[in-house]
Amino acid sequence: MTSPPGTALTVAEAADVARRVVDMFVDGDASAVEVEPVMTLDLLWWLGWLYFAAWTMLPLVLVGVVGPILGVMAWVVLAPWSALIGMAVAHRLLPASEEGTFRLFADRGSFRWALKGWAPSVYLSVFQPVFFLSPGFQRIALRAFEPGSGQGRR
């Protein structure tokens, strides 16, 4: 099912590789994937940015409902919030990282650490320069990625 060397992967092959990679990260079984670990993380990085872009562009569906001018204005206001929801959901669904000192590609904990830190770093690299001037937005965004956030926490 793999493409010949030097050719691009099909969408189905890329999805299969991504599924096997996530299984490897969760189970710690490196035999599940035949590709290089660096290439695997690169594939996941690009798939993650596509996921982030989809959540960021989600409010653009309003263009068809309210028109192009109001739709784009709504997108500017709603994009950080829709992206925050999508990235916080991804952050919560990714396997929990473990404590310790890790060597990337040498143990399971390093993969989990890399995955768990991905969602906050992508979101903050895009929206922090502009929106973190607001203490309220900063507090909400940081709590969305906090593992034990809940009532009564300050």
N, C-alpha and C. Protein backbone atom coordinates (compact mmCIF):
# COMPACT_ATOMS: atom_id res chain seq x y z
N MET A 1 0.81 -1.19 0.00
CA MET A 1 0.00 0.00 0.00
C MET A 1 0.86 1.27 0.00
N THR A 2 2.15 1.13 0.05
CA THR A 2 2.99 2.32 0.08
C THR A 2 3.38 2.71 -1.33
N SER A 3 3.59 3.98 -1.53
CA SER A 3 3.99 4.50 -2.83
C SER A 3 5.45 4.14 -3.09
N PRO A 4 5.83 4.05 -4.37
CA PRO A 4 7.25 3.80 -4.67
C PRO A 4 8.12 4.94 -4.14
N PRO A 5 9.38 4.65 -3.84
CA PRO A 5 10.27 5.71 -3.35
C PRO A 5 10.35 6.87 -4.34
N GLY A 6 10.35 8.08 -3.82
CA GLY A 6 10.45 9.27 -4.66
C GLY A 6 9.12 9.81 -5.14
N THR A 7 8.01 9.16 -4.77
CA THR A 7 6.69 9.65 -5.16
C THR A 7 5.95 10.15 -3.93
N ALA A 8 4.96 10.98 -4.16
CA ALA A 8 4.20 11.55 -3.05
C ALA A 8 3.21 10.54 -2.50
N LEU A 9 2.91 10.66 -1.21
CA LEU A 9 1.92 9.80 -0.59
C LEU A 9 0.53 10.24 -1.01
N THR A 10 -0.38 9.28 -1.15
CA THR A 10 -1.78 9.62 -1.38
C THR A 10 -2.37 10.05 -0.05
N VAL A 11 -3.58 10.62 -0.09
CA VAL A 11 -4.23 11.05 1.14
C VAL A 11 -4.50 9.85 2.04
N ALA A 12 -4.92 8.73 1.47
CA ALA A 12 -5.20 7.53 2.26
C ALA A 12 -3.93 7.00 2.92
N GLU A 13 -2.82 7.02 2.19
CA GLU A 13 -1.55 6.56 2.75
C GLU A 13 -1.08 7.49 3.87
N ALA A 14 -1.24 8.79 3.67
CA ALA A 14 -0.84 9.75 4.72
C ALA A 14 -1.70 9.57 5.96
N ALA A 15 -3.00 9.35 5.78
CA ALA A 15 -3.89 9.12 6.92
C ALA A 15 -3.52 7.83 7.65
N ASP A 16 -3.15 6.79 6.89
CA ASP A 16 -2.74 5.53 7.50
C ASP A 16 -1.45 5.70 8.30
N VAL A 17 -0.50 6.43 7.73
CA VAL A 17 0.75 6.69 8.45
C VAL A 17 0.48 7.49 9.72
N ALA A 18 -0.37 8.52 9.62
CA ALA A 18 -0.69 9.33 10.80
C ALA A 18 -1.36 8.48 11.88
N ARG A 19 -2.28 7.58 11.49
CA ARG A 19 -2.94 6.72 12.46
C ARG A 19 -1.93 5.81 13.15
N ARG A 20 -1.02 5.21 12.38
CA ARG A 20 -0.02 4.33 12.96
C ARG A 20 0.96 5.10 13.85
N VAL A 21 1.25 6.33 13.49
CA VAL A 21 2.15 7.15 14.31
C VAL A 21 1.51 7.47 15.65
N VAL A 22 0.25 7.86 15.63
CA VAL A 22 -0.44 8.16 16.89
C VAL A 22 -0.50 6.90 17.75
N ASP A 23 -0.77 5.75 17.13
CA ASP A 23 -0.75 4.49 17.88
C ASP A 23 0.62 4.25 18.50
N MET A 24 1.68 4.57 17.76
CA MET A 24 3.03 4.40 18.27
C MET A 24 3.26 5.31 19.48
N PHE A 25 2.80 6.56 19.39
CA PHE A 25 3.00 7.49 20.48
C PHE A 25 2.26 7.05 21.73
N VAL A 26 1.05 6.57 21.55
CA VAL A 26 0.24 6.17 22.69
C VAL A 26 0.74 4.87 23.29
N ASP A 27 1.06 3.88 22.44
CA ASP A 27 1.47 2.56 22.93
C ASP A 27 2.97 2.48 23.21
N GLY A 28 3.76 3.35 22.61
CA GLY A 28 5.19 3.28 22.76
C GLY A 28 5.82 2.19 21.91
N ASP A 29 5.09 1.69 20.90
CA ASP A 29 5.57 0.62 20.05
C ASP A 29 6.15 1.21 18.77
N ALA A 30 7.47 1.26 18.68
CA ALA A 30 8.11 1.87 17.52
C ALA A 30 8.03 1.01 16.28
N SER A 31 7.65 -0.27 16.40
CA SER A 31 7.56 -1.14 15.22
C SER A 31 6.31 -0.87 14.40
N ALA A 32 5.40 -0.01 14.90
CA ALA A 32 4.15 0.25 14.19
C ALA A 32 4.37 1.13 12.97
N VAL A 33 5.49 1.80 12.86
CA VAL A 33 5.72 2.74 11.76
C VAL A 33 7.07 2.44 11.13
N GLU A 34 7.10 2.43 9.78
CA GLU A 34 8.34 2.14 9.07
C GLU A 34 9.07 3.40 8.62
N VAL A 35 8.56 4.58 8.93
CA VAL A 35 9.20 5.81 8.49
C VAL A 35 10.09 6.37 9.59
N GLU A 36 10.95 7.27 9.20
CA GLU A 36 11.85 7.91 10.16
C GLU A 36 11.05 8.72 11.18
N PRO A 37 11.46 8.75 12.45
CA PRO A 37 10.73 9.52 13.46
C PRO A 37 10.67 11.01 13.14
N VAL A 38 11.73 11.57 12.59
CA VAL A 38 11.71 13.00 12.27
C VAL A 38 10.70 13.27 11.17
N MET A 39 10.64 12.39 10.17
CA MET A 39 9.67 12.53 9.09
C MET A 39 8.24 12.40 9.63
N THR A 40 8.07 11.53 10.60
CA THR A 40 6.76 11.34 11.21
C THR A 40 6.31 12.59 11.93
N LEU A 41 7.19 13.17 12.74
CA LEU A 41 6.83 14.40 13.43
C LEU A 41 6.57 15.53 12.45
N ASP A 42 7.30 15.56 11.34
CA ASP A 42 7.08 16.58 10.32
C ASP A 42 5.70 16.40 9.70
N LEU A 43 5.31 15.18 9.41
CA LEU A 43 3.98 14.91 8.87
C LEU A 43 2.90 15.34 9.85
N LEU A 44 3.08 14.98 11.11
CA LEU A 44 2.10 15.40 12.13
C LEU A 44 2.05 16.91 12.28
N TRP A 45 3.20 17.57 12.16
CA TRP A 45 3.25 19.02 12.27
C TRP A 45 2.40 19.66 11.18
N TRP A 46 2.55 19.20 9.93
CA TRP A 46 1.76 19.76 8.83
C TRP A 46 0.28 19.43 8.96
N LEU A 47 -0.05 18.21 9.36
CA LEU A 47 -1.45 17.86 9.58
C LEU A 47 -2.05 18.70 10.70
N GLY A 48 -1.26 18.98 11.72
CA GLY A 48 -1.73 19.82 12.82
C GLY A 48 -1.99 21.25 12.39
N TRP A 49 -1.12 21.78 11.54
CA TRP A 49 -1.36 23.15 11.05
C TRP A 49 -2.61 23.20 10.16
N LEU A 50 -2.88 22.14 9.41
CA LEU A 50 -4.13 22.09 8.63
C LEU A 50 -5.34 22.05 9.54
N TYR A 51 -5.25 21.30 10.62
CA TYR A 51 -6.32 21.25 11.62
C TYR A 51 -6.54 22.64 12.23
N PHE A 52 -5.46 23.30 12.58
CA PHE A 52 -5.55 24.65 13.15
C PHE A 52 -6.17 25.63 12.14
N ALA A 53 -5.75 25.55 10.87
CA ALA A 53 -6.30 26.44 9.85
C ALA A 53 -7.79 26.20 9.65
N ALA A 54 -8.21 24.95 9.71
CA ALA A 54 -9.64 24.65 9.56
C ALA A 54 -10.45 25.29 10.68
N TRP A 55 -9.98 25.19 11.92
CA TRP A 55 -10.70 25.80 13.04
C TRP A 55 -10.65 27.32 12.97
N THR A 56 -9.56 27.87 12.47
CA THR A 56 -9.45 29.32 12.35
C THR A 56 -10.39 29.84 11.26
N MET A 57 -10.53 29.09 10.19
CA MET A 57 -11.38 29.51 9.07
C MET A 57 -12.85 29.19 9.28
N LEU A 58 -13.19 28.44 10.29
CA LEU A 58 -14.57 28.03 10.54
C LEU A 58 -15.57 29.18 10.53
N PRO A 59 -15.29 30.33 11.15
CA PRO A 59 -16.27 31.43 11.12
C PRO A 59 -16.54 31.99 9.72
N LEU A 60 -15.72 31.66 8.74
CA LEU A 60 -15.98 32.16 7.38
C LEU A 60 -17.24 31.56 6.76
N VAL A 61 -17.82 30.55 7.38
CA VAL A 61 -19.10 30.03 6.88
C VAL A 61 -20.19 31.09 7.01
N LEU A 62 -19.97 32.07 7.86
CA LEU A 62 -20.94 33.15 8.03
C LEU A 62 -21.03 34.06 6.81
N VAL A 63 -20.01 34.01 5.95
CA VAL A 63 -20.02 34.87 4.75
C VAL A 63 -21.25 34.57 3.91
N GLY A 64 -21.61 33.31 3.79
CA GLY A 64 -22.79 32.95 3.00
C GLY A 64 -24.09 33.37 3.66
N VAL A 65 -24.09 33.55 4.96
CA VAL A 65 -25.31 33.89 5.68
C VAL A 65 -25.51 35.41 5.78
N VAL A 66 -24.47 36.14 6.13
CA VAL A 66 -24.61 37.57 6.39
C VAL A 66 -23.98 38.46 5.33
N GLY A 67 -23.35 37.85 4.32
CA GLY A 67 -22.73 38.64 3.26
C GLY A 67 -21.23 38.75 3.47
N PRO A 68 -20.53 39.18 2.42
CA PRO A 68 -19.06 39.19 2.50
C PRO A 68 -18.48 40.20 3.50
N ILE A 69 -19.03 41.39 3.55
CA ILE A 69 -18.46 42.42 4.44
C ILE A 69 -18.67 42.03 5.90
N LEU A 70 -19.91 41.76 6.28
CA LEU A 70 -20.18 41.38 7.67
C LEU A 70 -19.56 40.02 8.01
N GLY A 71 -19.50 39.11 7.03
CA GLY A 71 -18.90 37.80 7.26
C GLY A 71 -17.42 37.89 7.59
N VAL A 72 -16.70 38.72 6.85
CA VAL A 72 -15.26 38.90 7.12
C VAL A 72 -15.06 39.61 8.46
N MET A 73 -15.93 40.57 8.76
CA MET A 73 -15.83 41.25 10.05
C MET A 73 -16.09 40.27 11.20
N ALA A 74 -17.06 39.39 11.03
CA ALA A 74 -17.35 38.38 12.05
C ALA A 74 -16.18 37.40 12.17
N TRP A 75 -15.56 37.07 11.03
CA TRP A 75 -14.43 36.15 11.07
C TRP A 75 -13.27 36.73 11.87
N VAL A 76 -13.00 38.02 11.68
CA VAL A 76 -11.90 38.67 12.42
C VAL A 76 -12.14 38.59 13.93
N VAL A 77 -13.40 38.73 14.32
CA VAL A 77 -13.72 38.70 15.74
C VAL A 77 -13.76 37.26 16.28
N LEU A 78 -14.30 36.33 15.48
CA LEU A 78 -14.53 34.97 15.98
C LEU A 78 -13.38 33.99 15.74
N ALA A 79 -12.46 34.29 14.83
CA ALA A 79 -11.38 33.36 14.50
C ALA A 79 -10.53 32.95 15.72
N PRO A 80 -10.12 33.89 16.57
CA PRO A 80 -9.32 33.45 17.73
C PRO A 80 -10.09 32.52 18.66
N TRP A 81 -11.40 32.72 18.76
CA TRP A 81 -12.21 31.90 19.67
C TRP A 81 -12.46 30.52 19.07
N SER A 82 -12.75 30.45 17.78
CA SER A 82 -12.96 29.13 17.18
C SER A 82 -11.66 28.33 17.18
N ALA A 83 -10.54 29.00 16.90
CA ALA A 83 -9.25 28.32 16.95
C ALA A 83 -8.93 27.85 18.36
N LEU A 84 -9.26 28.67 19.35
CA LEU A 84 -9.01 28.28 20.74
C LEU A 84 -9.81 27.04 21.11
N ILE A 85 -11.05 26.99 20.69
CA ILE A 85 -11.88 25.81 20.98
C ILE A 85 -11.29 24.57 20.33
N GLY A 86 -10.94 24.66 19.05
CA GLY A 86 -10.38 23.51 18.35
C GLY A 86 -9.06 23.03 18.93
N MET A 87 -8.19 23.98 19.26
CA MET A 87 -6.88 23.60 19.80
C MET A 87 -6.99 23.09 21.24
N ALA A 88 -7.90 23.64 22.02
CA ALA A 88 -8.09 23.14 23.39
C ALA A 88 -8.66 21.72 23.37
N VAL A 89 -9.55 21.45 22.42
CA VAL A 89 -10.08 20.08 22.28
C VAL A 89 -8.96 19.12 21.90
N ALA A 90 -8.14 19.51 20.94
CA ALA A 90 -7.00 18.65 20.54
C ALA A 90 -6.06 18.44 21.72
N HIS A 91 -5.80 19.49 22.47
CA HIS A 91 -4.90 19.40 23.62
C HIS A 91 -5.43 18.43 24.66
N ARG A 92 -6.74 18.45 24.87
CA ARG A 92 -7.34 17.55 25.87
C ARG A 92 -7.36 16.10 25.38
N LEU A 93 -7.48 15.89 24.06
CA LEU A 93 -7.56 14.53 23.52
C LEU A 93 -6.19 13.86 23.35
N LEU A 94 -5.13 14.65 23.25
CA LEU A 94 -3.80 14.07 23.10
C LEU A 94 -3.40 13.38 24.40
N PRO A 95 -2.59 12.32 24.31
CA PRO A 95 -2.20 11.60 25.53
C PRO A 95 -1.41 12.50 26.47
N ALA A 96 -1.61 12.27 27.76
CA ALA A 96 -0.95 13.08 28.78
C ALA A 96 0.56 12.84 28.73
N SER A 97 1.31 13.92 28.95
CA SER A 97 2.75 13.77 29.00
C SER A 97 3.15 13.25 30.38
N GLU A 98 4.29 12.62 30.42
CA GLU A 98 4.79 12.06 31.67
C GLU A 98 5.91 12.94 32.21
N GLU A 99 6.19 12.80 33.48
CA GLU A 99 7.29 13.56 34.08
C GLU A 99 8.60 12.87 33.80
N GLY A 100 9.66 13.66 33.74
CA GLY A 100 10.98 13.08 33.57
C GLY A 100 11.79 13.82 32.54
N THR A 101 13.01 13.36 32.34
CA THR A 101 13.90 13.90 31.32
C THR A 101 13.88 12.93 30.15
N PHE A 102 13.63 13.46 28.96
CA PHE A 102 13.44 12.58 27.81
C PHE A 102 14.45 12.88 26.72
N ARG A 103 14.74 11.86 25.96
CA ARG A 103 15.54 11.98 24.75
C ARG A 103 14.60 11.76 23.58
N LEU A 104 14.44 12.74 22.73
CA LEU A 104 13.51 12.63 21.63
C LEU A 104 13.85 11.43 20.77
N PHE A 105 12.85 10.67 20.44
CA PHE A 105 12.90 9.44 19.64
C PHE A 105 13.50 8.26 20.40
N ALA A 106 13.91 8.44 21.64
CA ALA A 106 14.49 7.34 22.39
C ALA A 106 13.49 6.71 23.36
N ASP A 107 12.47 7.44 23.76
CA ASP A 107 11.50 6.86 24.67
C ASP A 107 10.12 7.45 24.43
N ARG A 108 9.12 6.76 24.98
CA ARG A 108 7.73 7.14 24.76
C ARG A 108 7.40 8.50 25.36
N GLY A 109 7.99 8.83 26.49
CA GLY A 109 7.68 10.09 27.15
C GLY A 109 8.01 11.30 26.31
N SER A 110 9.08 11.22 25.52
CA SER A 110 9.46 12.36 24.69
C SER A 110 8.43 12.60 23.59
N PHE A 111 7.89 11.54 23.02
CA PHE A 111 6.85 11.70 22.01
C PHE A 111 5.61 12.33 22.61
N ARG A 112 5.21 11.84 23.77
CA ARG A 112 4.02 12.40 24.43
C ARG A 112 4.24 13.86 24.81
N TRP A 113 5.44 14.18 25.26
CA TRP A 113 5.74 15.57 25.60
C TRP A 113 5.65 16.46 24.36
N ALA A 114 6.20 15.98 23.23
CA ALA A 114 6.16 16.75 21.99
C ALA A 114 4.72 16.94 21.51
N LEU A 115 3.91 15.90 21.60
CA LEU A 115 2.52 16.01 21.18
C LEU A 115 1.73 16.95 22.09
N LYS A 116 1.91 16.82 23.39
CA LYS A 116 1.12 17.61 24.34
C LYS A 116 1.47 19.09 24.25
N GLY A 117 2.69 19.43 23.93
CA GLY A 117 3.08 20.83 23.83
C GLY A 117 2.75 21.47 22.50
N TRP A 118 2.30 20.66 21.54
CA TRP A 118 2.07 21.16 20.20
C TRP A 118 0.91 22.16 20.14
N ALA A 119 -0.26 21.82 20.66
CA ALA A 119 -1.45 22.67 20.52
C ALA A 119 -1.25 24.06 21.12
N PRO A 120 -0.78 24.17 22.37
CA PRO A 120 -0.58 25.51 22.91
C PRO A 120 0.46 26.31 22.12
N SER A 121 1.52 25.65 21.66
CA SER A 121 2.56 26.41 20.97
C SER A 121 2.08 26.93 19.62
N VAL A 122 1.28 26.15 18.90
CA VAL A 122 0.74 26.62 17.62
C VAL A 122 -0.21 27.79 17.84
N TYR A 123 -1.14 27.62 18.78
CA TYR A 123 -2.13 28.67 19.03
C TYR A 123 -1.45 29.96 19.50
N LEU A 124 -0.55 29.84 20.44
CA LEU A 124 0.08 31.04 20.99
C LEU A 124 1.03 31.70 20.00
N SER A 125 1.65 30.92 19.11
CA SER A 125 2.54 31.54 18.13
C SER A 125 1.77 32.40 17.14
N VAL A 126 0.51 32.10 16.90
CA VAL A 126 -0.29 32.89 15.96
C VAL A 126 -1.00 34.05 16.67
N PHE A 127 -1.64 33.78 17.78
CA PHE A 127 -2.50 34.80 18.39
C PHE A 127 -1.88 35.58 19.55
N GLN A 128 -0.79 35.12 20.10
CA GLN A 128 -0.20 35.83 21.24
C GLN A 128 0.28 37.24 20.90
N PRO A 129 0.93 37.48 19.75
CA PRO A 129 1.45 38.83 19.50
C PRO A 129 0.38 39.92 19.50
N VAL A 130 -0.84 39.59 19.11
CA VAL A 130 -1.88 40.61 19.02
C VAL A 130 -2.81 40.58 20.23
N PHE A 131 -3.32 39.41 20.55
CA PHE A 131 -4.40 39.32 21.52
C PHE A 131 -3.94 39.23 22.96
N PHE A 132 -2.65 38.99 23.21
CA PHE A 132 -2.22 38.89 24.59
C PHE A 132 -1.99 40.26 25.22
N LEU A 133 -2.32 41.32 24.50
CA LEU A 133 -2.32 42.64 25.12
C LEU A 133 -3.52 42.76 26.06
N SER A 134 -4.50 41.89 25.87
CA SER A 134 -5.68 41.88 26.72
C SER A 134 -5.50 40.86 27.84
N PRO A 135 -5.47 41.28 29.10
CA PRO A 135 -5.31 40.32 30.20
C PRO A 135 -6.44 39.30 30.26
N GLY A 136 -7.64 39.71 29.89
CA GLY A 136 -8.78 38.78 29.90
C GLY A 136 -8.59 37.65 28.90
N PHE A 137 -8.21 38.00 27.69
CA PHE A 137 -7.97 36.97 26.67
C PHE A 137 -6.81 36.08 27.07
N GLN A 138 -5.78 36.67 27.63
CA GLN A 138 -4.62 35.89 28.07
C GLN A 138 -5.02 34.87 29.12
N ARG A 139 -5.82 35.28 30.08
CA ARG A 139 -6.26 34.38 31.14
C ARG A 139 -7.10 33.24 30.59
N ILE A 140 -8.03 33.55 29.66
CA ILE A 140 -8.89 32.52 29.07
C ILE A 140 -8.07 31.54 28.25
N ALA A 141 -7.15 32.04 27.43
CA ALA A 141 -6.35 31.16 26.57
C ALA A 141 -5.46 30.25 27.41
N LEU A 142 -4.82 30.77 28.43
CA LEU A 142 -3.95 29.94 29.24
C LEU A 142 -4.73 28.91 30.04
N ARG A 143 -5.92 29.26 30.49
CA ARG A 143 -6.75 28.28 31.21
C ARG A 143 -7.27 27.20 30.28
N ALA A 144 -7.48 27.52 29.01
CA ALA A 144 -7.95 26.50 28.07
C ALA A 144 -6.93 25.38 27.89
N PHE A 145 -5.65 25.70 28.01
CA PHE A 145 -4.61 24.69 27.84
C PHE A 145 -4.08 24.14 29.16
N GLU A 146 -4.61 24.62 30.25
CA GLU A 146 -4.19 24.16 31.56
C GLU A 146 -4.84 22.81 31.84
N PRO A 147 -4.08 21.83 32.32
CA PRO A 147 -4.64 20.49 32.48
C PRO A 147 -5.71 20.38 33.56
N GLY A 148 -5.60 21.10 34.63
CA GLY A 148 -6.56 20.93 35.73
C GLY A 148 -7.44 22.14 35.96
N SER A 149 -7.80 22.85 34.90
CA SER A 149 -8.59 24.06 35.10
C SER A 149 -10.01 23.69 35.52
N GLY A 150 -10.58 24.51 36.36
CA GLY A 150 -11.94 24.26 36.81
C GLY A 150 -12.38 25.36 37.74
N GLN A 151 -13.54 25.16 38.36
CA GLN A 151 -14.10 26.14 39.27
C GLN A 151 -13.17 26.36 40.46
N GLY A 152 -13.06 27.58 40.90
CA GLY A 152 -12.31 27.90 42.09
C GLY A 152 -10.83 28.14 41.89
N ARG A 153 -10.33 27.91 40.69
CA ARG A 153 -8.90 28.12 40.44
C ARG A 153 -8.66 29.56 40.06
N ARG A 154 -7.54 30.11 40.46
CA ARG A 154 -7.21 31.51 40.13
C ARG A 154 -5.94 31.55 39.35
